[in-house]
């Protein structure tokens, strides 16, 4: 059984702890966070501390904190020669302090505290500086997910970039759509079937093949009508940029 200490308690840790604590192959010993948190009744048996000096001895330490703090935080850990990994998609493994063994355990998913993640279908991207540590991370990944992939820091940074486009940027466009509908007293759920069908299509088609709409068709009349509705402003500029991007790539595969 692998003993684990989670360092930080943001969205990633909140979801990880639920999955890890329910695995028969994993023992979540403790959660560290710089401020007091409530783990919930289901995890009341897991130790909690705000004191770095009181972190328990474990096989693996998982840092799940904001990207900009990972390097300095890993240097502040009061132990040496332990396996320490982070969960970031954009931070290199080499950002971790040299005083401990290094690795990455990156679940490729968007996490929220108000929606439980199902880890069995989430790709776990791993990296380690030592072969034996890689084996530990592979075993850990396979205990919670059906897809574990070894990806180095350079590859992972490109993967994370792609993830920002397909998740964060797309979700922002959902928010814009919601804003347009709200201003016209229309419910966002009218778009739900369209969103689901769009996501479903790319299971069998490439994104390029699945692309539809006025920019793809070269339907200038509809484009001009949309721009008139938006009037001048940031949304009009964004519409023009996205339309231009689709038009410029409509005859190629993304």
C-alpha atoms as a PDB file:
ATOM      1  CA  UNK A   1       0.000   0.000   0.000  1.00  0.00           C
ATOM      2  CA  UNK A   2       1.342   3.421  -0.987  1.00  0.00           C
ATOM      3  CA  UNK A   3       1.167   6.088   1.720  1.00  0.00           C
ATOM      4  CA  UNK A   4       0.487   9.620   0.473  1.00  0.00           C
ATOM      5  CA  UNK A   5       0.481  13.153   1.833  1.00  0.00           C
ATOM      6  CA  UNK A   6      -1.370  15.812  -0.166  1.00  0.00           C
ATOM      7  CA  UNK A   7       0.203  19.256  -0.038  1.00  0.00           C
ATOM      8  CA  UNK A   8      -2.406  21.913  -0.755  1.00  0.00           C
ATOM      9  CA  UNK A   9      -6.170  21.670  -0.891  1.00  0.00           C
ATOM     10  CA  UNK A  10      -7.450  23.391  -4.011  1.00  0.00           C
ATOM     11  CA  UNK A  11      -9.733  21.951  -6.675  1.00  0.00           C
ATOM     12  CA  UNK A  12      -7.297  19.206  -7.718  1.00  0.00           C
ATOM     13  CA  UNK A  13      -6.625  17.961  -4.169  1.00  0.00           C
ATOM     14  CA  UNK A  14     -10.290  18.163  -3.241  1.00  0.00           C
ATOM     15  CA  UNK A  15     -11.137  15.742  -6.045  1.00  0.00           C
ATOM     16  CA  UNK A  16      -8.007  13.604  -5.697  1.00  0.00           C
ATOM     17  CA  UNK A  17      -8.570  12.904  -2.024  1.00  0.00           C
ATOM     18  CA  UNK A  18     -12.016  11.426  -2.714  1.00  0.00           C
ATOM     19  CA  UNK A  19     -10.599   8.977  -5.242  1.00  0.00           C
ATOM     20  CA  UNK A  20      -7.333   8.152  -3.477  1.00  0.00           C
ATOM     21  CA  UNK A  21      -8.969   7.611  -0.088  1.00  0.00           C
ATOM     22  CA  UNK A  22     -11.359   5.068  -1.598  1.00  0.00           C
ATOM     23  CA  UNK A  23      -8.599   2.962  -3.163  1.00  0.00           C
ATOM     24  CA  UNK A  24      -7.566  -0.223  -1.374  1.00  0.00           C
ATOM     25  CA  UNK A  25      -4.004   0.283  -2.655  1.00  0.00           C
ATOM     26  CA  UNK A  26      -3.550   3.780  -1.225  1.00  0.00           C
ATOM     27  CA  UNK A  27      -3.361   5.210   2.276  1.00  0.00           C
ATOM     28  CA  UNK A  28      -3.900   8.978   2.435  1.00  0.00           C
ATOM     29  CA  UNK A  29      -2.093   9.808   5.656  1.00  0.00           C
ATOM     30  CA  UNK A  30      -2.441  13.552   5.772  1.00  0.00           C
ATOM     31  CA  UNK A  31      -3.405  16.797   4.057  1.00  0.00           C
ATOM     32  CA  UNK A  32      -1.330  19.940   4.479  1.00  0.00           C
ATOM     33  CA  UNK A  33      -2.720  23.386   3.732  1.00  0.00           C
ATOM     34  CA  UNK A  34      -1.387  26.774   4.766  1.00  0.00           C
ATOM     35  CA  UNK A  35      -4.810  27.756   6.143  1.00  0.00           C
ATOM     36  CA  UNK A  36      -7.419  25.773   8.059  1.00  0.00           C
ATOM     37  CA  UNK A  37      -9.830  23.712   5.945  1.00  0.00           C
ATOM     38  CA  UNK A  38     -12.638  21.251   6.557  1.00  0.00           C
ATOM     39  CA  UNK A  39     -12.091  17.859   4.950  1.00  0.00           C
ATOM     40  CA  UNK A  40     -15.647  16.711   5.580  1.00  0.00           C
ATOM     41  CA  UNK A  41     -17.079  13.872   7.660  1.00  0.00           C
ATOM     42  CA  UNK A  42     -16.119  11.211   5.128  1.00  0.00           C
ATOM     43  CA  UNK A  43     -12.444  12.066   5.547  1.00  0.00           C
ATOM     44  CA  UNK A  44     -12.369  12.924   9.230  1.00  0.00           C
ATOM     45  CA  UNK A  45      -9.891  10.073   9.794  1.00  0.00           C
ATOM     46  CA  UNK A  46      -7.256  11.776   7.626  1.00  0.00           C
ATOM     47  CA  UNK A  47      -4.807  13.936   9.555  1.00  0.00           C
ATOM     48  CA  UNK A  48      -4.583  17.626   8.722  1.00  0.00           C
ATOM     49  CA  UNK A  49      -1.920  20.220   9.453  1.00  0.00           C
ATOM     50  CA  UNK A  50      -0.986  23.812   8.637  1.00  0.00           C
ATOM     51  CA  UNK A  51       2.538  23.272   9.942  1.00  0.00           C
ATOM     52  CA  UNK A  52       5.213  22.118   7.480  1.00  0.00           C
ATOM     53  CA  UNK A  53       7.264  20.729  10.359  1.00  0.00           C
ATOM     54  CA  UNK A  54       4.422  18.360  11.269  1.00  0.00           C
ATOM     55  CA  UNK A  55       4.128  16.702   7.849  1.00  0.00           C
ATOM     56  CA  UNK A  56       4.050  12.921   8.254  1.00  0.00           C
ATOM     57  CA  UNK A  57       6.463  10.375   6.809  1.00  0.00           C
ATOM     58  CA  UNK A  58       5.063   8.961   3.542  1.00  0.00           C
ATOM     59  CA  UNK A  59       6.009   7.136   0.349  1.00  0.00           C
ATOM     60  CA  UNK A  60       4.793   9.975  -1.854  1.00  0.00           C
ATOM     61  CA  UNK A  61       4.099  13.693  -1.474  1.00  0.00           C
ATOM     62  CA  UNK A  62       1.761  15.309  -3.991  1.00  0.00           C
ATOM     63  CA  UNK A  63       2.003  19.093  -4.380  1.00  0.00           C
ATOM     64  CA  UNK A  64      -1.268  20.547  -5.635  1.00  0.00           C
ATOM     65  CA  UNK A  65      -0.913  24.314  -5.314  1.00  0.00           C
ATOM     66  CA  UNK A  66      -0.860  27.275  -7.772  1.00  0.00           C
ATOM     67  CA  UNK A  67       1.812  26.869 -10.462  1.00  0.00           C
ATOM     68  CA  UNK A  68       3.787  29.972  -9.502  1.00  0.00           C
ATOM     69  CA  UNK A  69       4.358  28.662  -5.968  1.00  0.00           C
ATOM     70  CA  UNK A  70       5.488  25.108  -6.749  1.00  0.00           C
ATOM     71  CA  UNK A  71       9.240  25.770  -6.999  1.00  0.00           C
ATOM     72  CA  UNK A  72       9.586  27.787  -3.793  1.00  0.00           C
ATOM     73  CA  UNK A  73       7.214  25.531  -1.869  1.00  0.00           C
ATOM     74  CA  UNK A  74       9.108  22.370  -2.836  1.00  0.00           C
ATOM     75  CA  UNK A  75      12.315  24.010  -1.619  1.00  0.00           C
ATOM     76  CA  UNK A  76      10.682  24.783   1.737  1.00  0.00           C
ATOM     77  CA  UNK A  77       9.758  21.165   2.497  1.00  0.00           C
ATOM     78  CA  UNK A  78      11.580  20.031   5.681  1.00  0.00           C
ATOM     79  CA  UNK A  79      12.723  16.624   4.418  1.00  0.00           C
ATOM     80  CA  UNK A  80      15.079  15.106   1.846  1.00  0.00           C
ATOM     81  CA  UNK A  81      15.312  12.122  -0.533  1.00  0.00           C
ATOM     82  CA  UNK A  82      11.537  11.588  -0.658  1.00  0.00           C
ATOM     83  CA  UNK A  83       9.412  11.267  -3.807  1.00  0.00           C
ATOM     84  CA  UNK A  84       7.768  14.647  -4.383  1.00  0.00           C
ATOM     85  CA  UNK A  85       5.530  15.276  -7.403  1.00  0.00           C
ATOM     86  CA  UNK A  86       3.369  18.133  -8.600  1.00  0.00           C
ATOM     87  CA  UNK A  87       0.059  18.029 -10.478  1.00  0.00           C
ATOM     88  CA  UNK A  88       0.618  20.920 -12.897  1.00  0.00           C
ATOM     89  CA  UNK A  89       0.339  20.691 -16.656  1.00  0.00           C
ATOM     90  CA  UNK A  90       2.518  23.709 -17.372  1.00  0.00           C
ATOM     91  CA  UNK A  91       5.325  23.488 -14.776  1.00  0.00           C
ATOM     92  CA  UNK A  92       8.467  21.507 -15.616  1.00  0.00           C
ATOM     93  CA  UNK A  93       9.473  18.628 -13.371  1.00  0.00           C
ATOM     94  CA  UNK A  94      12.831  20.391 -12.986  1.00  0.00           C
ATOM     95  CA  UNK A  95      11.117  23.222 -11.112  1.00  0.00           C
ATOM     96  CA  UNK A  96      10.946  20.921  -8.091  1.00  0.00           C
ATOM     97  CA  UNK A  97      13.747  21.148  -5.543  1.00  0.00           C
ATOM     98  CA  UNK A  98      16.769  18.899  -6.084  1.00  0.00           C
ATOM     99  CA  UNK A  99      16.802  17.859  -2.425  1.00  0.00           C
ATOM    100  CA  UNK A 100      14.002  15.350  -3.103  1.00  0.00           C
ATOM    101  CA  UNK A 101      13.258  12.808  -5.841  1.00  0.00           C
ATOM    102  CA  UNK A 102      11.145  14.407  -8.557  1.00  0.00           C
ATOM    103  CA  UNK A 103       8.068  13.529 -10.523  1.00  0.00           C
ATOM    104  CA  UNK A 104       4.814  14.723 -12.050  1.00  0.00           C
ATOM    105  CA  UNK A 105       1.326  13.302 -11.569  1.00  0.00           C
ATOM    106  CA  UNK A 106      -0.905  15.398 -13.868  1.00  0.00           C
ATOM    107  CA  UNK A 107      -4.606  14.508 -14.178  1.00  0.00           C
ATOM    108  CA  UNK A 108      -5.738  16.021 -17.493  1.00  0.00           C
ATOM    109  CA  UNK A 109      -9.113  17.376 -16.490  1.00  0.00           C
ATOM    110  CA  UNK A 110     -10.866  20.511 -15.308  1.00  0.00           C
ATOM    111  CA  UNK A 111     -11.726  20.321 -11.599  1.00  0.00           C
ATOM    112  CA  UNK A 112     -14.297  22.095  -9.446  1.00  0.00           C
ATOM    113  CA  UNK A 113     -15.206  21.550  -5.818  1.00  0.00           C
ATOM    114  CA  UNK A 114     -18.922  21.515  -6.564  1.00  0.00           C
ATOM    115  CA  UNK A 115     -18.707  18.703  -9.135  1.00  0.00           C
ATOM    116  CA  UNK A 116     -17.114  15.342  -8.395  1.00  0.00           C
ATOM    117  CA  UNK A 117     -14.663  14.099 -11.021  1.00  0.00           C
ATOM    118  CA  UNK A 118     -14.756  10.486 -12.217  1.00  0.00           C
ATOM    119  CA  UNK A 119     -11.081   9.533 -12.373  1.00  0.00           C
ATOM    120  CA  UNK A 120     -11.460   6.227 -14.205  1.00  0.00           C
ATOM    121  CA  UNK A 121     -11.808   8.103 -17.508  1.00  0.00           C
ATOM    122  CA  UNK A 122      -9.289  10.874 -16.766  1.00  0.00           C
ATOM    123  CA  UNK A 123      -5.858  10.558 -18.438  1.00  0.00           C
ATOM    124  CA  UNK A 124      -3.063  10.619 -15.853  1.00  0.00           C
ATOM    125  CA  UNK A 125       0.151  12.025 -17.317  1.00  0.00           C
ATOM    126  CA  UNK A 126       3.238  10.983 -15.379  1.00  0.00           C
ATOM    127  CA  UNK A 127       6.940  11.721 -15.372  1.00  0.00           C
ATOM    128  CA  UNK A 128       9.758  10.824 -12.990  1.00  0.00           C
ATOM    129  CA  UNK A 129      13.501  11.358 -12.808  1.00  0.00           C
ATOM    130  CA  UNK A 130      14.158   7.772 -11.652  1.00  0.00           C
ATOM    131  CA  UNK A 131      12.887   4.494 -13.103  1.00  0.00           C
ATOM    132  CA  UNK A 132      11.731   3.119  -9.742  1.00  0.00           C
ATOM    133  CA  UNK A 133       9.802   6.308  -9.031  1.00  0.00           C
ATOM    134  CA  UNK A 134       8.176   6.082 -12.452  1.00  0.00           C
ATOM    135  CA  UNK A 135       6.958   2.596 -11.526  1.00  0.00           C
ATOM    136  CA  UNK A 136       5.408   3.984  -8.337  1.00  0.00           C
ATOM    137  CA  UNK A 137       3.553   6.666 -10.294  1.00  0.00           C
ATOM    138  CA  UNK A 138       2.377   4.187 -12.931  1.00  0.00           C
ATOM    139  CA  UNK A 139       1.000   1.944 -10.200  1.00  0.00           C
ATOM    140  CA  UNK A 140      -0.681   4.891  -8.485  1.00  0.00           C
ATOM    141  CA  UNK A 141      -2.164   6.117 -11.750  1.00  0.00           C
ATOM    142  CA  UNK A 142      -3.519   2.698 -12.698  1.00  0.00           C
ATOM    143  CA  UNK A 143      -5.163   2.354  -9.297  1.00  0.00           C
ATOM    144  CA  UNK A 144      -7.526   5.242 -10.100  1.00  0.00           C
ATOM    145  CA  UNK A 145      -7.549   5.625 -13.912  1.00  0.00           C
ATOM    146  CA  UNK A 146      -7.839   3.450 -17.004  1.00  0.00           C
ATOM    147  CA  UNK A 147      -5.425   5.693 -18.947  1.00  0.00           C
ATOM    148  CA  UNK A 148      -1.924   6.377 -17.639  1.00  0.00           C
ATOM    149  CA  UNK A 149       0.566   7.959 -20.056  1.00  0.00           C
ATOM    150  CA  UNK A 150       4.261   8.746 -19.634  1.00  0.00           C
ATOM    151  CA  UNK A 151       4.821  12.281 -20.960  1.00  0.00           C
ATOM    152  CA  UNK A 152       7.883  14.469 -20.396  1.00  0.00           C
ATOM    153  CA  UNK A 153       7.768  18.119 -19.356  1.00  0.00           C
ATOM    154  CA  UNK A 154       8.179  19.497 -22.881  1.00  0.00           C
ATOM    155  CA  UNK A 155       5.352  17.339 -24.239  1.00  0.00           C
ATOM    156  CA  UNK A 156       3.168  18.110 -21.233  1.00  0.00           C
ATOM    157  CA  UNK A 157       3.531  21.874 -21.726  1.00  0.00           C
ATOM    158  CA  UNK A 158       2.194  21.502 -25.288  1.00  0.00           C
ATOM    159  CA  UNK A 159      -0.605  19.258 -24.023  1.00  0.00           C
ATOM    160  CA  UNK A 160      -1.541  21.845 -21.418  1.00  0.00           C
ATOM    161  CA  UNK A 161      -1.556  24.586 -24.067  1.00  0.00           C
ATOM    162  CA  UNK A 162      -3.980  22.528 -26.158  1.00  0.00           C
ATOM    163  CA  UNK A 163      -6.088  21.892 -23.060  1.00  0.00           C
ATOM    164  CA  UNK A 164      -6.411  25.639 -22.421  1.00  0.00           C
ATOM    165  CA  UNK A 165      -7.777  26.112 -25.934  1.00  0.00           C
ATOM    166  CA  UNK A 166     -10.307  23.270 -25.785  1.00  0.00           C
ATOM    167  CA  UNK A 167     -11.395  23.847 -22.188  1.00  0.00           C
ATOM    168  CA  UNK A 168     -10.741  27.296 -20.732  1.00  0.00           C
ATOM    169  CA  UNK A 169     -11.238  29.254 -23.940  1.00  0.00           C
ATOM    170  CA  UNK A 170     -14.260  27.200 -25.003  1.00  0.00           C
ATOM    171  CA  UNK A 171     -15.842  27.626 -21.583  1.00  0.00           C
ATOM    172  CA  UNK A 172     -15.285  31.384 -21.877  1.00  0.00           C
ATOM    173  CA  UNK A 173     -17.195  31.278 -25.155  1.00  0.00           C
ATOM    174  CA  UNK A 174     -20.005  29.459 -23.314  1.00  0.00           C
ATOM    175  CA  UNK A 175     -20.040  32.373 -20.864  1.00  0.00           C
ATOM    176  CA  UNK A 176     -20.296  34.860 -23.740  1.00  0.00           C
ATOM    177  CA  UNK A 177     -23.173  32.861 -25.228  1.00  0.00           C
ATOM    178  CA  UNK A 178     -24.856  32.887 -21.821  1.00  0.00           C
ATOM    179  CA  UNK A 179     -24.362  36.657 -21.611  1.00  0.00           C
ATOM    180  CA  UNK A 180     -25.957  37.199 -25.044  1.00  0.00           C
ATOM    181  CA  UNK A 181     -28.946  35.018 -24.156  1.00  0.00           C
ATOM    182  CA  UNK A 182     -29.427  36.569 -20.711  1.00  0.00           C
ATOM    183  CA  UNK A 183     -29.483  40.051 -22.195  1.00  0.00           C
ATOM    184  CA  UNK A 184     -32.330  38.880 -24.426  1.00  0.00           C
ATOM    185  CA  UNK A 185     -34.158  36.934 -21.686  1.00  0.00           C
ATOM    186  CA  UNK A 186     -33.445  33.554 -23.283  1.00  0.00           C
ATOM    187  CA  UNK A 187     -32.368  30.472 -21.262  1.00  0.00           C
ATOM    188  CA  UNK A 188     -28.899  29.011 -21.731  1.00  0.00           C
ATOM    189  CA  UNK A 189     -30.263  25.462 -21.703  1.00  0.00           C
ATOM    190  CA  UNK A 190     -31.504  26.028 -25.273  1.00  0.00           C
ATOM    191  CA  UNK A 191     -27.859  25.603 -26.269  1.00  0.00           C
ATOM    192  CA  UNK A 192     -27.285  22.440 -24.244  1.00  0.00           C
ATOM    193  CA  UNK A 193     -28.132  19.927 -27.013  1.00  0.00           C
ATOM    194  CA  UNK A 194     -25.897  21.833 -29.435  1.00  0.00           C
ATOM    195  CA  UNK A 195     -22.991  21.805 -26.967  1.00  0.00           C
ATOM    196  CA  UNK A 196     -23.418  18.085 -26.347  1.00  0.00           C
ATOM    197  CA  UNK A 197     -23.616  17.247 -30.062  1.00  0.00           C
ATOM    198  CA  UNK A 198     -20.517  19.325 -30.808  1.00  0.00           C
ATOM    199  CA  UNK A 199     -18.558  17.465 -28.129  1.00  0.00           C
ATOM    200  CA  UNK A 200     -19.923  14.114 -29.304  1.00  0.00           C
ATOM    201  CA  UNK A 201     -18.914  14.672 -32.938  1.00  0.00           C
ATOM    202  CA  UNK A 202     -15.196  14.771 -32.237  1.00  0.00           C
ATOM    203  CA  UNK A 203     -15.324  11.213 -30.930  1.00  0.00           C
ATOM    204  CA  UNK A 204     -15.631  10.059 -34.544  1.00  0.00           C
ATOM    205  CA  UNK A 205     -14.514  13.099 -36.575  1.00  0.00           C
ATOM    206  CA  UNK A 206     -11.451  15.316 -36.447  1.00  0.00           C
ATOM    207  CA  UNK A 207     -12.172  18.854 -35.193  1.00  0.00           C
ATOM    208  CA  UNK A 208     -11.574  20.117 -38.737  1.00  0.00           C
ATOM    209  CA  UNK A 209     -14.124  17.678 -40.164  1.00  0.00           C
ATOM    210  CA  UNK A 210     -16.650  18.613 -37.487  1.00  0.00           C
ATOM    211  CA  UNK A 211     -16.356  22.376 -38.095  1.00  0.00           C
ATOM    212  CA  UNK A 212     -19.573  24.009 -39.316  1.00  0.00           C
ATOM    213  CA  UNK A 213     -21.035  27.510 -39.303  1.00  0.00           C
ATOM    214  CA  UNK A 214     -21.017  30.688 -41.401  1.00  0.00           C
ATOM    215  CA  UNK A 215     -17.221  31.124 -41.367  1.00  0.00           C
ATOM    216  CA  UNK A 216     -16.720  27.569 -42.598  1.00  0.00           C
ATOM    217  CA  UNK A 217     -19.333  28.080 -45.345  1.00  0.00           C
ATOM    218  CA  UNK A 218     -18.091  31.539 -46.280  1.00  0.00           C
ATOM    219  CA  UNK A 219     -21.570  32.923 -45.509  1.00  0.00           C
ATOM    220  CA  UNK A 220     -20.731  36.616 -45.493  1.00  0.00           C
ATOM    221  CA  UNK A 221     -24.351  37.805 -45.146  1.00  0.00           C
ATOM    222  CA  UNK A 222     -24.809  35.915 -41.858  1.00  0.00           C
ATOM    223  CA  UNK A 223     -21.417  37.087 -40.596  1.00  0.00           C
ATOM    224  CA  UNK A 224     -22.333  40.726 -41.313  1.00  0.00           C
ATOM    225  CA  UNK A 225     -25.692  40.266 -39.588  1.00  0.00           C
ATOM    226  CA  UNK A 226     -23.993  38.890 -36.484  1.00  0.00           C
ATOM    227  CA  UNK A 227     -21.518  41.759 -36.440  1.00  0.00           C
ATOM    228  CA  UNK A 228     -24.409  44.225 -36.703  1.00  0.00           C
ATOM    229  CA  UNK A 229     -26.079  42.597 -33.699  1.00  0.00           C
ATOM    230  CA  UNK A 230     -22.865  42.777 -31.696  1.00  0.00           C
ATOM    231  CA  UNK A 231     -22.136  46.363 -32.759  1.00  0.00           C
ATOM    232  CA  UNK A 232     -18.613  47.649 -32.224  1.00  0.00           C
ATOM    233  CA  UNK A 233     -16.732  46.460 -29.171  1.00  0.00           C
ATOM    234  CA  UNK A 234     -14.674  43.623 -27.710  1.00  0.00           C
ATOM    235  CA  UNK A 235     -17.192  40.905 -28.649  1.00  0.00           C
ATOM    236  CA  UNK A 236     -17.302  42.144 -32.233  1.00  0.00           C
ATOM    237  CA  UNK A 237     -13.502  42.059 -32.371  1.00  0.00           C
ATOM    238  CA  UNK A 238     -13.442  38.531 -30.940  1.00  0.00           C
ATOM    239  CA  UNK A 239     -16.066  37.372 -33.460  1.00  0.00           C
ATOM    240  CA  UNK A 240     -13.969  38.800 -36.310  1.00  0.00           C
ATOM    241  CA  UNK A 241     -10.791  37.124 -35.036  1.00  0.00           C
ATOM    242  CA  UNK A 242     -12.435  33.717 -34.642  1.00  0.00           C
ATOM    243  CA  UNK A 243     -14.144  34.020 -38.029  1.00  0.00           C
ATOM    244  CA  UNK A 244     -10.841  34.899 -39.677  1.00  0.00           C
ATOM    245  CA  UNK A 245      -9.110  31.966 -37.984  1.00  0.00           C
ATOM    246  CA  UNK A 246     -11.776  29.495 -39.161  1.00  0.00           C
ATOM    247  CA  UNK A 247     -11.769  30.962 -42.685  1.00  0.00           C
ATOM    248  CA  UNK A 248      -7.974  30.766 -42.926  1.00  0.00           C
ATOM    249  CA  UNK A 249      -7.909  27.119 -41.859  1.00  0.00           C
ATOM    250  CA  UNK A 250     -11.142  25.779 -43.345  1.00  0.00           C
ATOM    251  CA  UNK A 251      -9.351  23.868 -46.076  1.00  0.00           C
ATOM    252  CA  UNK A 252      -6.736  22.326 -43.798  1.00  0.00           C
ATOM    253  CA  UNK A 253      -6.736  19.998 -40.824  1.00  0.00           C
ATOM    254  CA  UNK A 254      -6.050  21.767 -37.523  1.00  0.00           C
END
